[in-house]
Amino acid sequence: SGLNTSGKVAQFFKANGSETWAGSLLVLGSPIDFSTAKQFKMKVWSPAIGTKVTVKLEGGVVTEVTKTTTKANEWEELTFDFTGAESDVYGKFVLFFDFY
C-alpha cells in the first residue's frame, strides 16, 4: 500500500543481539555498469525513523552508501548515489539495515 503497490517485496529480520554486519548478499551475473546511471533507488519500509540502510558494493574494490529512514511504519524511497564509483568492478550487492 502507499508508495509501494508491488506484489513483490523482500523482508529482512534482524533479531536483537544479531551481529551488526548481518545483511543480505546478491551475487550479480555481471559487474555493475555505472557509465550511464550512478544511483540505485529502493523502496523501504521501517518500523522506526532513523533506521540506517547501507548498500555496499564489492568487487576488486569496495564502496558503500548509507541513508537514514525519515518515516516510520510506511514506505519511503531512498536514493543511493554512487557518483565517483568505478564502473564494471562490482559483482556483489550487499544490503544492511542498522549497520554500525
N, C-alpha and C. Protein backbone atom coordinates (compact mmCIF):
# COMPACT_ATOMS: atom_id res chain seq x y z
N SER A 1 0.84 -1.19 0.00
CA SER A 1 0.00 0.00 0.00
C SER A 1 0.88 1.24 0.00
N GLY A 2 0.28 2.38 -0.15
CA GLY A 2 1.05 3.62 -0.14
C GLY A 2 1.98 3.72 -1.33
N LEU A 3 3.22 4.06 -1.08
CA LEU A 3 4.23 4.26 -2.12
C LEU A 3 4.55 2.97 -2.87
N ASN A 4 4.49 1.83 -2.20
CA ASN A 4 4.84 0.56 -2.82
C ASN A 4 3.60 -0.30 -3.02
N THR A 5 3.11 -0.36 -4.25
CA THR A 5 1.93 -1.16 -4.56
C THR A 5 2.31 -2.47 -5.25
N SER A 6 3.60 -2.78 -5.28
CA SER A 6 4.08 -4.01 -5.90
C SER A 6 3.64 -5.23 -5.08
N GLY A 7 3.40 -6.32 -5.77
CA GLY A 7 3.10 -7.58 -5.09
C GLY A 7 4.36 -8.34 -4.74
N LYS A 8 5.52 -7.78 -5.06
CA LYS A 8 6.79 -8.46 -4.81
C LYS A 8 7.64 -7.61 -3.87
N VAL A 9 7.89 -8.15 -2.68
CA VAL A 9 8.74 -7.46 -1.71
C VAL A 9 9.62 -8.50 -1.03
N ALA A 10 10.69 -8.04 -0.44
CA ALA A 10 11.55 -8.90 0.38
C ALA A 10 11.46 -8.38 1.80
N GLN A 11 11.61 -9.28 2.74
CA GLN A 11 11.53 -8.91 4.14
C GLN A 11 12.82 -9.34 4.83
N PHE A 12 13.37 -8.46 5.64
CA PHE A 12 14.63 -8.72 6.33
C PHE A 12 14.39 -8.57 7.82
N PHE A 13 14.65 -9.63 8.57
CA PHE A 13 14.52 -9.59 10.02
C PHE A 13 15.91 -9.64 10.64
N LYS A 14 16.15 -8.73 11.56
CA LYS A 14 17.42 -8.71 12.27
C LYS A 14 17.08 -8.80 13.75
N ALA A 15 17.33 -9.96 14.34
CA ALA A 15 16.98 -10.19 15.74
C ALA A 15 17.87 -9.38 16.67
N ASN A 16 17.35 -9.04 17.83
CA ASN A 16 18.16 -8.37 18.84
C ASN A 16 19.35 -9.23 19.16
N GLY A 17 20.51 -8.62 19.26
CA GLY A 17 21.72 -9.37 19.55
C GLY A 17 22.42 -9.90 18.31
N SER A 18 21.83 -9.68 17.11
CA SER A 18 22.48 -10.11 15.87
C SER A 18 23.76 -9.32 15.66
N GLU A 19 24.67 -9.91 14.93
CA GLU A 19 25.89 -9.19 14.57
C GLU A 19 25.50 -7.94 13.78
N THR A 20 26.22 -6.85 14.00
CA THR A 20 25.89 -5.60 13.31
C THR A 20 26.10 -5.72 11.81
N TRP A 21 26.96 -6.65 11.38
CA TRP A 21 27.25 -6.78 9.96
C TRP A 21 26.31 -7.75 9.25
N ALA A 22 25.30 -8.29 9.94
CA ALA A 22 24.36 -9.22 9.31
C ALA A 22 23.58 -8.49 8.22
N GLY A 23 23.58 -9.05 7.01
CA GLY A 23 22.89 -8.41 5.90
C GLY A 23 22.50 -9.42 4.84
N SER A 24 22.12 -8.93 3.69
CA SER A 24 21.73 -9.77 2.56
C SER A 24 22.69 -9.54 1.40
N LEU A 25 23.11 -10.63 0.76
CA LEU A 25 24.08 -10.57 -0.33
C LEU A 25 23.44 -11.05 -1.62
N LEU A 26 23.65 -10.30 -2.69
CA LEU A 26 23.21 -10.69 -4.02
C LEU A 26 24.45 -10.74 -4.92
N VAL A 27 24.77 -11.92 -5.43
CA VAL A 27 25.89 -12.05 -6.36
C VAL A 27 25.34 -11.81 -7.76
N LEU A 28 25.90 -10.84 -8.45
CA LEU A 28 25.40 -10.42 -9.75
C LEU A 28 25.97 -11.26 -10.88
N GLY A 29 25.22 -11.40 -11.96
CA GLY A 29 25.67 -12.16 -13.13
C GLY A 29 26.76 -11.45 -13.91
N SER A 30 26.81 -10.12 -13.80
CA SER A 30 27.86 -9.33 -14.45
C SER A 30 28.09 -8.08 -13.60
N PRO A 31 29.26 -7.47 -13.71
CA PRO A 31 29.56 -6.28 -12.91
C PRO A 31 28.63 -5.11 -13.23
N ILE A 32 28.45 -4.22 -12.26
CA ILE A 32 27.59 -3.05 -12.41
C ILE A 32 28.24 -2.05 -13.36
N ASP A 33 27.46 -1.60 -14.33
CA ASP A 33 27.92 -0.61 -15.31
C ASP A 33 27.42 0.77 -14.87
N PHE A 34 28.32 1.61 -14.39
CA PHE A 34 27.96 2.95 -13.95
C PHE A 34 28.16 4.00 -15.05
N SER A 35 28.33 3.58 -16.30
CA SER A 35 28.61 4.54 -17.37
C SER A 35 27.42 5.45 -17.69
N THR A 36 26.18 5.01 -17.42
CA THR A 36 25.02 5.83 -17.75
C THR A 36 24.20 6.23 -16.53
N ALA A 37 24.22 5.45 -15.47
CA ALA A 37 23.46 5.76 -14.26
C ALA A 37 24.33 5.49 -13.05
N LYS A 38 24.24 6.36 -12.05
CA LYS A 38 25.10 6.27 -10.87
C LYS A 38 24.32 6.04 -9.58
N GLN A 39 23.00 5.83 -9.68
CA GLN A 39 22.18 5.73 -8.48
C GLN A 39 21.33 4.47 -8.47
N PHE A 40 21.06 4.00 -7.26
CA PHE A 40 20.07 2.95 -7.02
C PHE A 40 18.96 3.59 -6.21
N LYS A 41 17.72 3.28 -6.55
CA LYS A 41 16.58 3.72 -5.75
C LYS A 41 15.91 2.47 -5.20
N MET A 42 15.53 2.56 -3.93
CA MET A 42 14.92 1.41 -3.28
C MET A 42 13.79 1.88 -2.38
N LYS A 43 12.67 1.21 -2.48
CA LYS A 43 11.56 1.49 -1.58
C LYS A 43 11.76 0.63 -0.34
N VAL A 44 11.74 1.26 0.83
CA VAL A 44 11.95 0.54 2.08
C VAL A 44 10.83 0.87 3.05
N TRP A 45 10.55 -0.07 3.92
CA TRP A 45 9.58 0.11 5.00
C TRP A 45 10.32 -0.16 6.29
N SER A 46 10.20 0.74 7.24
CA SER A 46 10.88 0.58 8.52
C SER A 46 9.89 0.87 9.64
N PRO A 47 10.01 0.15 10.75
CA PRO A 47 9.13 0.44 11.89
C PRO A 47 9.56 1.69 12.66
N ALA A 48 10.72 2.26 12.30
CA ALA A 48 11.22 3.41 13.07
C ALA A 48 11.91 4.44 12.19
N ILE A 49 11.78 5.69 12.57
CA ILE A 49 12.54 6.77 11.94
C ILE A 49 14.00 6.62 12.40
N GLY A 50 14.93 6.88 11.51
CA GLY A 50 16.34 6.83 11.88
C GLY A 50 17.03 5.51 11.65
N THR A 51 16.36 4.58 10.96
CA THR A 51 17.00 3.30 10.63
C THR A 51 18.03 3.53 9.54
N LYS A 52 19.24 3.08 9.76
CA LYS A 52 20.29 3.21 8.76
C LYS A 52 20.18 2.06 7.76
N VAL A 53 20.22 2.41 6.47
CA VAL A 53 20.17 1.43 5.39
C VAL A 53 21.44 1.63 4.56
N THR A 54 22.25 0.58 4.48
CA THR A 54 23.53 0.67 3.78
C THR A 54 23.55 -0.26 2.58
N VAL A 55 23.94 0.28 1.42
CA VAL A 55 24.20 -0.53 0.23
C VAL A 55 25.71 -0.55 0.07
N LYS A 56 26.26 -1.75 0.06
CA LYS A 56 27.71 -1.95 -0.10
C LYS A 56 27.94 -2.72 -1.40
N LEU A 57 28.84 -2.21 -2.22
CA LEU A 57 29.19 -2.89 -3.47
C LEU A 57 30.59 -3.46 -3.31
N GLU A 58 30.74 -4.73 -3.67
CA GLU A 58 32.02 -5.42 -3.53
C GLU A 58 32.49 -5.96 -4.86
N GLY A 59 33.77 -5.94 -5.06
CA GLY A 59 34.41 -6.48 -6.26
C GLY A 59 35.90 -6.33 -6.10
N GLY A 60 36.57 -5.82 -7.12
CA GLY A 60 38.00 -5.54 -6.99
C GLY A 60 38.27 -4.49 -5.94
N VAL A 61 37.28 -3.63 -5.70
CA VAL A 61 37.31 -2.61 -4.66
C VAL A 61 35.95 -2.63 -3.95
N VAL A 62 35.84 -1.91 -2.86
CA VAL A 62 34.59 -1.88 -2.09
C VAL A 62 34.17 -0.43 -1.90
N THR A 63 32.87 -0.17 -2.02
CA THR A 63 32.32 1.16 -1.73
C THR A 63 30.95 0.99 -1.12
N GLU A 64 30.53 1.95 -0.32
CA GLU A 64 29.21 1.85 0.28
C GLU A 64 28.60 3.23 0.49
N VAL A 65 27.27 3.25 0.53
CA VAL A 65 26.50 4.47 0.78
C VAL A 65 25.44 4.13 1.81
N THR A 66 25.30 4.99 2.82
CA THR A 66 24.30 4.79 3.87
C THR A 66 23.28 5.93 3.83
N LYS A 67 22.02 5.56 3.93
CA LYS A 67 20.92 6.52 4.02
C LYS A 67 20.17 6.23 5.32
N THR A 68 19.40 7.18 5.79
CA THR A 68 18.65 7.03 7.02
C THR A 68 17.17 7.24 6.75
N THR A 69 16.32 6.35 7.28
CA THR A 69 14.88 6.49 7.05
C THR A 69 14.35 7.72 7.78
N THR A 70 13.35 8.32 7.20
CA THR A 70 12.73 9.51 7.78
C THR A 70 11.26 9.28 8.12
N LYS A 71 10.78 8.06 7.87
CA LYS A 71 9.38 7.73 8.14
C LYS A 71 9.31 6.43 8.94
N ALA A 72 8.25 6.30 9.71
CA ALA A 72 8.02 5.08 10.48
C ALA A 72 6.72 4.43 10.04
N ASN A 73 6.75 3.11 9.90
CA ASN A 73 5.56 2.32 9.58
C ASN A 73 4.90 2.71 8.26
N GLU A 74 5.75 3.10 7.30
CA GLU A 74 5.27 3.35 5.94
C GLU A 74 6.43 3.26 4.97
N TRP A 75 6.11 3.13 3.71
CA TRP A 75 7.13 3.03 2.67
C TRP A 75 7.73 4.40 2.38
N GLU A 76 9.01 4.40 2.04
CA GLU A 76 9.65 5.59 1.50
C GLU A 76 10.72 5.15 0.51
N GLU A 77 11.06 6.04 -0.40
CA GLU A 77 12.07 5.73 -1.41
C GLU A 77 13.39 6.38 -1.01
N LEU A 78 14.44 5.56 -0.94
CA LEU A 78 15.78 6.04 -0.64
C LEU A 78 16.61 5.98 -1.91
N THR A 79 17.47 6.97 -2.11
CA THR A 79 18.36 7.02 -3.27
C THR A 79 19.79 6.88 -2.81
N PHE A 80 20.49 5.90 -3.36
CA PHE A 80 21.88 5.62 -3.04
C PHE A 80 22.73 6.08 -4.22
N ASP A 81 23.47 7.15 -4.03
CA ASP A 81 24.23 7.79 -5.11
C ASP A 81 25.68 7.28 -5.09
N PHE A 82 26.09 6.64 -6.17
CA PHE A 82 27.44 6.10 -6.31
C PHE A 82 28.26 6.90 -7.33
N THR A 83 27.99 8.20 -7.44
CA THR A 83 28.79 9.05 -8.31
C THR A 83 30.25 8.96 -7.85
N GLY A 84 31.14 8.74 -8.79
CA GLY A 84 32.56 8.61 -8.48
C GLY A 84 33.01 7.17 -8.31
N ALA A 85 32.06 6.25 -8.23
CA ALA A 85 32.43 4.83 -8.10
C ALA A 85 32.90 4.30 -9.46
N GLU A 86 33.84 3.38 -9.42
CA GLU A 86 34.34 2.78 -10.65
C GLU A 86 33.25 1.94 -11.32
N SER A 87 33.32 1.81 -12.61
CA SER A 87 32.37 1.01 -13.37
C SER A 87 32.96 -0.36 -13.67
N ASP A 88 32.11 -1.36 -13.75
CA ASP A 88 32.48 -2.72 -14.16
C ASP A 88 33.45 -3.41 -13.21
N VAL A 89 33.40 -3.09 -11.91
CA VAL A 89 34.27 -3.79 -10.94
C VAL A 89 33.48 -4.45 -9.82
N TYR A 90 32.21 -4.08 -9.65
CA TYR A 90 31.42 -4.58 -8.53
C TYR A 90 30.52 -5.73 -8.97
N GLY A 91 30.75 -6.90 -8.41
CA GLY A 91 29.95 -8.07 -8.75
C GLY A 91 29.05 -8.54 -7.62
N LYS A 92 29.11 -7.84 -6.47
CA LYS A 92 28.27 -8.21 -5.32
C LYS A 92 27.56 -6.97 -4.80
N PHE A 93 26.28 -7.14 -4.48
CA PHE A 93 25.42 -6.08 -3.93
C PHE A 93 25.01 -6.56 -2.55
N VAL A 94 25.39 -5.80 -1.51
CA VAL A 94 25.09 -6.19 -0.13
C VAL A 94 24.20 -5.12 0.50
N LEU A 95 23.18 -5.57 1.22
CA LEU A 95 22.22 -4.67 1.86
C LEU A 95 22.22 -4.89 3.36
N PHE A 96 22.39 -3.81 4.12
CA PHE A 96 22.39 -3.87 5.58
C PHE A 96 21.34 -2.91 6.13
N PHE A 97 20.64 -3.34 7.17
CA PHE A 97 19.78 -2.45 7.95
C PHE A 97 20.42 -2.32 9.33
N ASP A 98 20.51 -1.10 9.83
CA ASP A 98 21.13 -0.82 11.13
C ASP A 98 22.54 -1.37 11.22
N PHE A 99 23.34 -1.08 10.22
CA PHE A 99 24.75 -1.46 10.20
C PHE A 99 25.55 -0.31 10.82
N TYR A 100 26.26 -0.58 11.90
CA TYR A 100 27.02 0.49 12.55
C TYR A 100 28.47 0.17 12.45
